[in-house]
Amino acid sequence: MSHAFMSPPNAARFVLSNATVPAVTLTGFEASSREGLVKADIVVADGLVSDILAPGAAPAEYAKVDMKDGMVWPTFADMHTHLDKGHIWERRANPDGSFMGALDAVRADREANWSADDVHRRMEFSLRSAYAHGTGLIRTHLDSLAPQHRISFEVFSSVRDAWKDRIALQAVALFPLENMADEAFFADLLTVVRDAGGLMGGVTQMSPELDAQLDKLIRAAADNGLDIDLHVDETEDREVLTLKAIAEAVLRNGFTGKVTAGHCCSLARQDEDVARATIDLVARAGISIVSLPMCNMYLQDRHPGRTPRWRGVTLLHELAAAGVPTAVASDNTRDPFYAYGDLDPVEVFREAVRILHLDHPLDTAARVVTTSPSAILGRPDIGRIAVGSPADLVLFSARRWSEFLSRPQSDRVVLRKGKVIDRNLPDYRELDSVIGA
C-alpha cells in the first residue's frame, strides 16, 4: 500500500519530520496551533522519543522520514470494552436489536459456550485487532456470575501476562448488584478480583435497596483496595437516574478510590435543573464518565417500525464543562449488545465526533481516546507523546481534521518502540471453529 509519507526505516535513530500532532497529546512542547494541531519533528532513538523539536530542527545525522504534514498520534486508550463477549454474533445474534434481546442472547450464549478455551480464543482475536489498530491500553468488563467469574478472570490473567509488552490490560467484574446478597459468592468474587488486580463493577438499577447496595459495594472496595467502574443508567427512561445515587454514596462513604460510570444515557433525558444537580454531584464526588456512542446509538430508542428520536449518549459537554473527567470508548464488539465494531479507536473517535458534536472546535477532541482515558485508568504514561517515553506512535497520511475524519485511515502505520508492526488484521475465518459458522 502506498503512503503519502515513507515508512520509518529499520534504524535505531530517525526523525519523523514535518509531522502534524494533536497538541493535547504532547507533553513538554509548545508551539502555535491551528484547530489544536501543531507542527513538529519527533526524534526517535533506541525505541524512545528522544526529542520533540520545531520542524527542521532535528539533528542532520538522523535518518529523515518526511511525514509531509501527516499526523502523528500516540497509541490509543480504550477504557470500556467487553473482551469476553466479543465476536459471538454469528452464533447468538440479537433477535430484535433491543437491550433485553441483548441480555437474553448473551445469557444463553454464556451458559452454553463460555468455556476457558472459548473466552480465550475470542479475547485473543479482539486483542490482535486492537493492537493492529494502534491501541496501547484496554479496560475490559468481565461477566462475573458464578461460576463464570473464576473462568473469565483466570483467562484474563493469563492473557494480560502474554500481552503485557503490547497492550496494558485491566479488568472489571460485571454483575448485578443484587447478587451481593449471596455472601459466599460476593466474598469469592472479591477474592478473585483482588488476586487478579482488577476492579469492582456492577450494574445499577433503580430499587429501594440501591443505597444499601452501593454502600456495601463501596465499603468492600475500600476494604480491599479496589477501584470501581459501573454500568449506569443505560436506558432512555428519564425516571432512571442512579448516577445521582452513586455520587451521593461516594460522598457519604468518603470513598477515596477511583469511581468510573459508563453510559449514563438517561441523564440526557432529564430536565435541565435535574441534570445540572446530578452533574454537580458527580463533579464533587470525583467520578469519571465514559460514553459509548456507537453502542448506545445502536441500542437506545430502538422501537419496531419507528425511527429513533435521540442519540442515546450522555451529556458529555456539560460534564466536561463541570470538570468531570470524560472519555469515549468502543464498548461491545460483534455481540448482541452491538453487532459491529472492531476495537478501532479511530472509528470510535470519528463516530463520537459526529454523534456527540465534539467538533466546532476540534481543538482538544483527540483527548477522548488518548490522554483522558489513560489518565482515568491511572496510566498517564500511555496515550501521550513525551520525551523519554516509548516511541509508541500511530502515523497517518491525513494532514488536517477534515482529511482525518473523512476516511477510516486504514493506511495508518503503527510504531511500537520505534519499530513498524504488522498491521494485518486477523481473518474472521479463524473464529469459524469457535462460533460454529
Protein backbone atom coordinates (compact mmCIF):
# COMPACT_ATOMS: atom_id res chain seq x y z
CA MET A 1 0.00 0.00 0.00
CA SER A 2 1.34 3.42 -0.88
CA HIS A 3 1.59 6.23 1.64
CA ALA A 4 1.91 9.97 1.35
CA PHE A 5 4.94 9.53 3.61
CA MET A 6 7.72 6.97 3.81
CA SER A 7 7.54 4.25 6.44
CA PRO A 8 10.20 4.66 9.15
CA PRO A 9 13.45 2.89 8.38
CA ASN A 10 14.63 -0.13 10.29
CA ALA A 11 17.08 2.10 12.14
CA ALA A 12 17.80 2.80 15.78
CA ARG A 13 17.57 6.56 15.24
CA PHE A 14 15.38 8.57 12.92
CA VAL A 15 13.23 11.67 12.76
CA LEU A 16 9.56 11.94 11.87
CA SER A 17 9.93 15.33 10.23
CA ASN A 18 7.19 17.76 9.27
CA ALA A 19 4.65 15.97 11.45
CA THR A 20 1.25 17.31 12.48
CA VAL A 21 0.38 16.39 16.06
CA PRO A 22 -2.74 16.96 18.21
CA ALA A 23 -1.35 19.41 20.76
CA VAL A 24 -3.38 17.88 23.57
CA THR A 25 -1.34 14.67 23.24
CA LEU A 26 2.04 16.41 23.53
CA THR A 27 3.95 16.93 26.78
CA GLY A 28 6.77 19.45 27.04
CA PHE A 29 6.41 21.04 23.62
CA GLU A 30 4.82 24.40 22.94
CA ALA A 31 4.05 25.82 19.51
CA SER A 32 1.37 27.79 17.75
CA SER A 33 -1.54 25.60 16.78
CA ARG A 34 -4.35 25.57 14.28
CA GLU A 35 -7.51 23.71 15.37
CA GLY A 36 -5.39 22.19 18.14
CA LEU A 37 -2.82 20.79 15.69
CA VAL A 38 0.87 21.70 15.86
CA LYS A 39 3.86 21.08 13.59
CA ALA A 40 6.88 19.25 14.99
CA ASP A 41 9.82 16.98 14.33
CA ILE A 42 9.72 13.89 16.54
CA VAL A 43 13.13 12.36 17.16
CA VAL A 44 13.22 8.62 17.87
CA ALA A 45 16.32 6.97 19.32
CA ASP A 46 16.64 3.39 20.57
CA GLY A 47 12.88 2.91 20.81
CA LEU A 48 12.21 6.12 22.73
CA VAL A 49 11.06 9.61 21.85
CA SER A 50 14.33 11.41 22.48
CA ASP A 51 13.22 14.90 21.47
CA ILE A 52 10.32 16.95 20.15
CA LEU A 53 11.51 19.91 18.12
CA ALA A 54 10.29 22.60 15.79
CA PRO A 55 10.12 21.47 12.15
CA GLY A 56 13.57 21.38 10.59
CA ALA A 57 15.41 21.50 13.93
CA ALA A 58 16.19 17.78 14.23
CA PRO A 59 19.81 16.53 14.05
CA ALA A 60 21.02 16.29 10.46
CA GLU A 61 22.75 12.94 11.02
CA TYR A 62 19.47 11.13 11.80
CA ALA A 63 17.54 9.39 9.03
CA LYS A 64 14.60 11.54 7.98
CA VAL A 65 11.07 10.30 7.44
CA ASP A 66 9.18 13.17 5.83
CA MET A 67 5.63 13.00 7.13
CA LYS A 68 4.61 15.69 4.61
CA ASP A 69 2.41 17.21 7.32
CA GLY A 70 0.76 13.83 8.06
CA MET A 71 -0.49 13.32 11.59
CA VAL A 72 1.33 11.52 14.39
CA TRP A 73 -0.68 10.33 17.37
CA PRO A 74 0.23 8.35 20.47
CA THR A 75 -1.24 4.88 20.85
CA PHE A 76 -4.86 4.86 21.99
CA ALA A 77 -6.60 4.04 25.26
CA ASP A 78 -9.90 2.11 25.01
CA MET A 79 -11.29 2.29 28.52
CA HIS A 80 -14.58 0.40 28.29
CA THR A 81 -14.77 -2.87 26.34
CA HIS A 82 -16.17 -6.40 26.73
CA LEU A 83 -13.46 -8.77 25.53
CA ASP A 84 -15.29 -11.79 26.97
CA LYS A 85 -18.40 -11.14 24.84
CA GLY A 86 -16.67 -10.23 21.59
CA HIS A 87 -17.45 -11.94 18.28
CA ILE A 88 -20.34 -14.18 19.35
CA TRP A 89 -22.81 -12.51 16.96
CA GLU A 90 -22.70 -15.29 14.37
CA ARG A 91 -23.78 -17.94 16.87
CA ARG A 92 -26.03 -15.78 19.10
CA ALA A 93 -27.41 -12.70 17.37
CA ASN A 94 -29.71 -10.17 19.00
CA PRO A 95 -33.15 -11.05 17.58
CA ASP A 96 -34.51 -7.50 17.56
CA GLY A 97 -31.64 -5.15 18.42
CA SER A 98 -33.17 -4.32 21.80
CA PHE A 99 -31.45 -4.13 25.18
CA MET A 100 -33.50 -7.02 26.55
CA GLY A 101 -32.79 -9.03 23.41
CA ALA A 102 -29.07 -8.48 24.05
CA LEU A 103 -29.31 -9.52 27.69
CA ASP A 104 -31.17 -12.71 26.88
CA ALA A 105 -28.89 -13.65 23.97
CA VAL A 106 -25.69 -13.12 25.96
CA ARG A 107 -27.07 -15.05 28.93
CA ALA A 108 -27.92 -18.01 26.73
CA ASP A 109 -24.56 -17.93 24.98
CA ARG A 110 -22.62 -17.62 28.23
CA GLU A 111 -24.38 -20.59 29.81
CA ALA A 112 -23.91 -22.74 26.71
CA ASN A 113 -20.48 -21.82 25.42
CA TRP A 114 -18.19 -19.74 27.63
CA SER A 115 -15.50 -22.27 28.47
CA ALA A 116 -11.97 -21.08 29.18
CA ASP A 117 -10.92 -22.02 25.65
CA ASP A 118 -13.86 -20.21 24.06
CA VAL A 119 -13.26 -16.99 26.00
CA HIS A 120 -9.51 -17.17 25.42
CA ARG A 121 -9.71 -17.58 21.65
CA ARG A 122 -12.19 -14.75 21.20
CA MET A 123 -10.26 -12.48 23.56
CA GLU A 124 -7.03 -13.09 21.65
CA PHE A 125 -8.74 -12.28 18.35
CA SER A 126 -10.02 -8.98 19.77
CA LEU A 127 -6.62 -8.00 21.13
CA ARG A 128 -4.88 -8.77 17.85
CA SER A 129 -7.35 -6.45 16.14
CA ALA A 130 -6.92 -3.68 18.71
CA TYR A 131 -3.12 -3.94 18.55
CA ALA A 132 -3.13 -3.67 14.76
CA HIS A 133 -5.27 -0.53 15.00
CA GLY A 134 -2.79 1.12 17.38
CA THR A 135 -4.23 0.60 20.87
CA GLY A 136 -1.89 0.53 23.87
CA LEU A 137 -4.32 0.34 26.82
CA ILE A 138 -7.64 -1.50 27.29
CA ARG A 139 -10.01 -1.94 30.20
CA THR A 140 -12.50 -4.78 29.81
CA HIS A 141 -15.56 -5.68 31.83
CA LEU A 142 -15.95 -9.41 32.50
CA ASP A 143 -19.34 -11.02 33.14
CA SER A 144 -18.94 -12.27 36.71
CA LEU A 145 -21.86 -14.50 37.57
CA ALA A 146 -20.77 -17.74 39.25
CA PRO A 147 -19.01 -19.83 38.06
CA GLN A 148 -18.08 -17.62 35.11
CA HIS A 149 -16.19 -15.14 37.29
CA ARG A 150 -13.46 -17.67 38.04
CA ILE A 151 -13.25 -18.92 34.44
CA SER A 152 -13.02 -15.49 32.83
CA PHE A 153 -10.69 -13.86 35.35
CA GLU A 154 -8.28 -16.79 35.10
CA VAL A 155 -8.28 -16.47 31.31
CA PHE A 156 -7.86 -12.71 31.59
CA SER A 157 -4.87 -13.02 33.91
CA SER A 158 -3.07 -15.33 31.51
CA VAL A 159 -3.88 -13.12 28.53
CA ARG A 160 -2.75 -9.99 30.38
CA ASP A 161 0.62 -11.60 31.09
CA ALA A 162 1.00 -12.73 27.47
CA TRP A 163 0.19 -9.25 26.15
CA LYS A 164 2.00 -7.14 28.76
CA ASP A 165 4.58 -5.84 26.28
CA ARG A 166 1.97 -4.90 23.69
CA ILE A 167 -1.27 -3.77 25.38
CA ALA A 168 -1.73 -2.87 29.04
CA LEU A 169 -4.90 -4.63 30.25
CA GLN A 170 -7.29 -4.02 33.12
CA ALA A 171 -10.40 -6.00 34.11
CA VAL A 172 -13.62 -5.13 35.93
CA ALA A 173 -16.07 -7.60 37.49
CA LEU A 174 -19.52 -7.03 35.95
CA PHE A 175 -22.51 -8.41 37.89
CA PRO A 176 -25.97 -7.38 39.12
CA LEU A 177 -25.57 -5.59 42.46
CA GLU A 178 -28.36 -7.70 43.97
CA ASN A 179 -26.02 -10.69 43.71
CA MET A 180 -24.07 -9.24 46.63
CA ALA A 181 -26.84 -10.64 48.83
CA ASP A 182 -25.23 -14.03 48.32
CA GLU A 183 -22.46 -13.55 50.86
CA ALA A 184 -20.46 -16.61 49.80
CA PHE A 185 -20.48 -15.53 46.15
CA PHE A 186 -19.59 -11.94 46.95
CA ALA A 187 -16.70 -12.95 49.21
CA ASP A 188 -15.37 -15.25 46.50
CA LEU A 189 -15.75 -12.59 43.83
CA LEU A 190 -13.81 -10.10 45.94
CA THR A 191 -11.03 -12.65 46.36
CA VAL A 192 -10.89 -13.34 42.63
CA VAL A 193 -10.86 -9.64 41.71
CA ARG A 194 -8.29 -8.74 44.36
CA ASP A 195 -5.98 -11.58 43.37
CA ALA A 196 -6.25 -10.58 39.70
CA GLY A 197 -5.54 -6.91 40.42
CA GLY A 198 -8.93 -5.98 38.97
CA LEU A 199 -11.73 -3.58 39.78
CA MET A 200 -15.22 -3.96 41.20
CA GLY A 201 -18.04 -3.11 38.85
CA GLY A 202 -21.70 -3.88 38.52
CA VAL A 203 -24.95 -2.69 37.01
CA THR A 204 -27.04 -0.20 38.97
CA GLN A 205 -30.82 -0.45 38.90
CA MET A 206 -33.48 1.74 40.47
CA SER A 207 -34.69 -0.09 43.57
CA PRO A 208 -35.37 0.57 47.27
CA GLU A 209 -32.17 -1.36 48.02
CA LEU A 210 -29.90 0.73 45.80
CA ASP A 211 -28.39 2.92 48.51
CA ALA A 212 -27.62 -0.09 50.71
CA GLN A 213 -26.15 -1.95 47.73
CA LEU A 214 -23.90 0.97 46.85
CA ASP A 215 -22.76 1.33 50.46
CA LYS A 216 -21.89 -2.37 50.59
CA LEU A 217 -20.02 -2.24 47.27
CA ILE A 218 -18.07 0.87 48.25
CA ARG A 219 -17.13 -0.46 51.69
CA ALA A 220 -15.97 -3.74 50.16
CA ALA A 221 -13.91 -1.89 47.56
CA ALA A 222 -12.35 0.32 50.23
CA ASP A 223 -11.55 -2.65 52.48
CA ASN A 224 -9.86 -4.47 49.59
CA GLY A 225 -8.09 -1.50 48.00
CA LEU A 226 -10.14 -1.73 44.80
CA ASP A 227 -11.40 0.94 42.40
CA ILE A 228 -14.93 0.84 40.95
CA ASP A 229 -16.26 1.00 37.37
CA LEU A 230 -20.04 0.74 36.97
CA HIS A 231 -22.60 0.35 34.18
CA VAL A 232 -25.05 3.15 34.85
CA ASP A 233 -28.48 4.21 33.57
CA GLU A 234 -28.25 2.53 30.17
CA THR A 235 -31.83 3.43 29.35
CA GLU A 236 -33.98 6.12 27.77
CA ASP A 237 -36.26 6.13 30.84
CA ARG A 238 -35.94 9.64 32.28
CA GLU A 239 -37.09 8.37 35.67
CA VAL A 240 -33.95 6.25 35.99
CA LEU A 241 -31.05 8.20 37.45
CA THR A 242 -28.88 6.00 39.61
CA LEU A 243 -25.90 8.21 38.75
CA LYS A 244 -27.08 10.65 41.39
CA ALA A 245 -27.29 7.85 43.96
CA ILE A 246 -23.75 6.72 43.10
CA ALA A 247 -22.35 10.22 43.59
CA GLU A 248 -24.18 10.57 46.90
CA ALA A 249 -22.88 7.18 48.04
CA VAL A 250 -19.28 8.07 47.17
CA LEU A 251 -19.58 11.29 49.18
CA ARG A 252 -21.48 9.61 52.02
CA ASN A 253 -18.85 6.92 52.44
CA GLY A 254 -15.86 9.20 51.92
CA PHE A 255 -14.54 6.78 49.31
CA THR A 256 -11.06 7.76 48.16
CA GLY A 257 -10.65 5.21 45.36
CA LYS A 258 -11.43 5.95 41.75
CA VAL A 259 -15.01 5.61 40.51
CA THR A 260 -16.00 5.48 36.85
CA ALA A 261 -19.53 5.42 35.47
CA GLY A 262 -20.22 4.21 31.94
CA HIS A 263 -23.18 5.02 29.66
CA CYS A 264 -25.29 7.37 31.85
CA CYS A 265 -27.76 7.63 28.98
CA SER A 266 -30.83 8.74 30.91
CA LEU A 267 -29.00 11.86 32.10
CA ALA A 268 -29.67 13.31 28.65
CA ARG A 269 -33.41 12.76 29.16
CA GLN A 270 -33.61 14.77 32.38
CA ASP A 271 -34.91 18.30 32.79
CA GLU A 272 -32.06 20.82 32.80
CA ASP A 273 -32.22 21.52 36.53
CA VAL A 274 -32.28 17.83 37.45
CA ALA A 275 -29.38 17.06 35.14
CA ARG A 276 -27.37 20.03 36.42
CA ALA A 277 -27.82 18.97 40.04
CA THR A 278 -26.61 15.47 39.22
CA ILE A 279 -23.62 16.75 37.23
CA ASP A 280 -22.62 18.95 40.17
CA LEU A 281 -22.77 15.93 42.48
CA VAL A 282 -20.71 13.85 40.07
CA ALA A 283 -18.06 16.58 39.96
CA ARG A 284 -17.97 16.84 43.75
CA ALA A 285 -17.63 13.07 44.08
CA GLY A 286 -14.74 12.95 41.59
CA ILE A 287 -16.45 10.40 39.36
CA SER A 288 -15.23 9.89 35.79
CA ILE A 289 -17.68 9.34 32.94
CA VAL A 290 -17.18 7.30 29.77
CA SER A 291 -19.64 7.48 26.89
CA LEU A 292 -20.04 4.60 24.44
CA PRO A 293 -21.54 6.41 21.46
CA MET A 294 -21.68 3.63 18.88
CA CYS A 295 -23.24 1.00 21.14
CA ASN A 296 -25.65 3.41 22.78
CA MET A 297 -26.85 4.74 19.43
CA TYR A 298 -27.41 1.13 18.36
CA LEU A 299 -29.45 0.10 21.41
CA GLN A 300 -31.18 3.20 22.72
CA ASP A 301 -34.58 4.40 21.49
CA ARG A 302 -34.98 1.33 19.31
CA HIS A 303 -38.64 0.52 18.72
CA PRO A 304 -40.09 -1.63 15.91
CA GLY A 305 -41.15 0.38 12.88
CA ARG A 306 -40.17 3.70 14.46
CA THR A 307 -37.26 5.99 13.68
CA PRO A 308 -35.18 6.76 16.81
CA ARG A 309 -35.72 10.24 18.21
CA TRP A 310 -32.49 10.69 20.20
CA ARG A 311 -28.83 9.67 20.05
CA GLY A 312 -28.56 7.62 23.21
CA VAL A 313 -25.43 9.37 24.53
CA THR A 314 -24.89 11.19 27.81
CA LEU A 315 -24.31 14.91 28.45
CA LEU A 316 -20.59 14.78 27.72
CA HIS A 317 -20.14 18.50 27.02
CA GLU A 318 -21.91 19.56 30.21
CA LEU A 319 -20.00 17.01 32.31
CA ALA A 320 -16.65 18.12 30.88
CA ALA A 321 -17.52 21.78 31.43
CA ALA A 322 -18.18 20.96 35.10
CA GLY A 323 -14.68 19.50 35.43
CA VAL A 324 -15.72 15.85 35.26
CA PRO A 325 -13.10 13.62 33.57
CA THR A 326 -14.72 12.31 30.38
CA ALA A 327 -13.81 9.93 27.56
CA VAL A 328 -15.33 7.70 24.89
CA ALA A 329 -14.68 4.02 24.18
CA SER A 330 -15.60 1.06 21.99
CA ASP A 331 -17.87 -0.93 24.33
CA ASN A 332 -19.11 -4.16 22.72
CA THR A 333 -17.77 -5.73 19.53
CA ARG A 334 -19.82 -8.02 17.26
CA ASP A 335 -22.04 -9.33 20.03
CA PRO A 336 -25.74 -8.94 20.90
CA PHE A 337 -25.17 -5.51 22.50
CA TYR A 338 -23.52 -4.12 19.37
CA ALA A 339 -23.49 -6.03 16.10
CA TYR A 340 -20.48 -4.22 14.66
CA GLY A 341 -17.12 -2.69 15.60
CA ASP A 342 -13.50 -3.80 15.59
CA LEU A 343 -11.96 -2.17 18.68
CA ASP A 344 -10.61 0.58 16.45
CA PRO A 345 -10.33 3.85 18.43
CA VAL A 346 -10.08 5.81 15.18
CA GLU A 347 -13.56 4.61 14.29
CA VAL A 348 -14.77 5.34 17.82
CA PHE A 349 -13.30 8.84 17.68
CA ARG A 350 -14.66 9.57 14.21
CA GLU A 351 -18.17 8.47 15.16
CA ALA A 352 -18.01 10.21 18.55
CA VAL A 353 -17.16 13.50 16.84
CA ARG A 354 -20.28 13.14 14.72
CA ILE A 355 -22.67 11.72 17.32
CA LEU A 356 -21.59 13.89 20.27
CA HIS A 357 -20.66 17.00 18.26
CA LEU A 358 -17.09 17.08 19.53
CA ASP A 359 -16.25 19.46 16.69
CA HIS A 360 -16.55 23.24 16.32
CA PRO A 361 -13.98 23.41 17.73
CA LEU A 362 -11.96 20.19 17.41
CA ASP A 363 -9.02 21.69 19.33
CA THR A 364 -8.95 19.22 22.22
CA ALA A 365 -11.19 16.48 20.84
CA ALA A 366 -8.31 13.99 20.46
CA ARG A 367 -8.09 13.70 24.24
CA VAL A 368 -11.19 11.48 24.45
CA VAL A 369 -9.32 8.43 23.09
CA THR A 370 -5.83 9.32 24.33
CA THR A 371 -4.89 11.41 27.36
CA SER A 372 -8.28 11.48 29.10
CA PRO A 373 -8.97 7.72 29.24
CA SER A 374 -5.34 6.91 30.06
CA ALA A 375 -5.43 9.36 32.98
CA ILE A 376 -8.75 7.96 34.21
CA LEU A 377 -7.26 4.45 34.11
CA GLY A 378 -4.23 5.53 36.09
CA ARG A 379 -1.81 5.19 33.16
CA PRO A 380 -0.96 8.77 32.17
CA ASP A 381 2.24 7.41 30.61
CA ILE A 382 0.13 5.96 27.77
CA GLY A 383 -1.81 8.00 25.22
CA ARG A 384 0.63 10.91 25.07
CA ILE A 385 3.87 11.80 23.32
CA ALA A 386 6.66 12.93 25.64
CA VAL A 387 10.44 12.96 25.64
CA GLY A 388 11.69 9.76 27.26
CA SER A 389 8.50 7.82 26.58
CA PRO A 390 8.42 4.75 24.30
CA ALA A 391 8.05 5.62 20.63
CA ASP A 392 4.60 4.01 20.52
CA LEU A 393 3.09 6.11 17.75
CA VAL A 394 0.42 5.96 15.07
CA LEU A 395 1.22 7.65 11.76
CA PHE A 396 -1.40 8.92 9.34
CA SER A 397 -1.24 10.43 5.88
CA ALA A 398 -4.14 12.73 6.84
CA ARG A 399 -2.90 16.26 7.47
CA ARG A 400 -5.96 18.06 8.76
CA TRP A 401 -9.13 17.17 10.65
CA SER A 402 -11.34 17.05 7.58
CA GLU A 403 -9.00 14.52 5.97
CA PHE A 404 -8.63 12.51 9.18
CA LEU A 405 -12.35 12.29 9.91
CA SER A 406 -13.49 11.60 6.35
CA ARG A 407 -11.78 8.23 5.86
CA PRO A 408 -11.17 5.17 8.08
CA GLN A 409 -7.38 5.76 7.97
CA SER A 410 -6.80 2.12 7.08
CA ASP A 411 -3.37 3.00 5.66
CA ARG A 412 -2.01 4.11 9.05
CA VAL A 413 1.38 2.90 10.24
CA VAL A 414 1.80 1.79 13.86
CA LEU A 415 5.13 2.00 15.65
CA ARG A 416 5.89 0.20 18.89
CA LYS A 417 9.19 1.20 20.47
CA GLY A 418 10.08 2.82 17.17
CA LYS A 419 9.51 -0.32 15.09
CA VAL A 420 6.79 -0.78 12.48
CA ILE A 421 4.40 -3.55 13.50
CA ASP A 422 2.48 -5.94 11.25
CA ARG A 423 -0.94 -4.33 10.82
CA ASN A 424 -2.61 -7.28 9.10
CA LEU A 425 -5.92 -7.85 10.86
CA PRO A 426 -6.90 -11.38 11.90
CA ASP A 427 -9.24 -13.12 9.44
CA TYR A 428 -12.77 -13.75 10.73
CA ARG A 429 -12.45 -17.28 9.36
CA GLU A 430 -10.19 -18.02 12.30
CA LEU A 431 -13.28 -17.81 14.50
CA ASP A 432 -15.34 -20.32 12.46
CA SER A 433 -14.38 -23.22 14.69
CA VAL A 434 -15.22 -21.15 17.77
CA ILE A 435 -18.59 -19.70 16.86
CA GLY A 436 -19.76 -22.57 14.69
CA ALA A 437 -20.07 -20.62 11.46
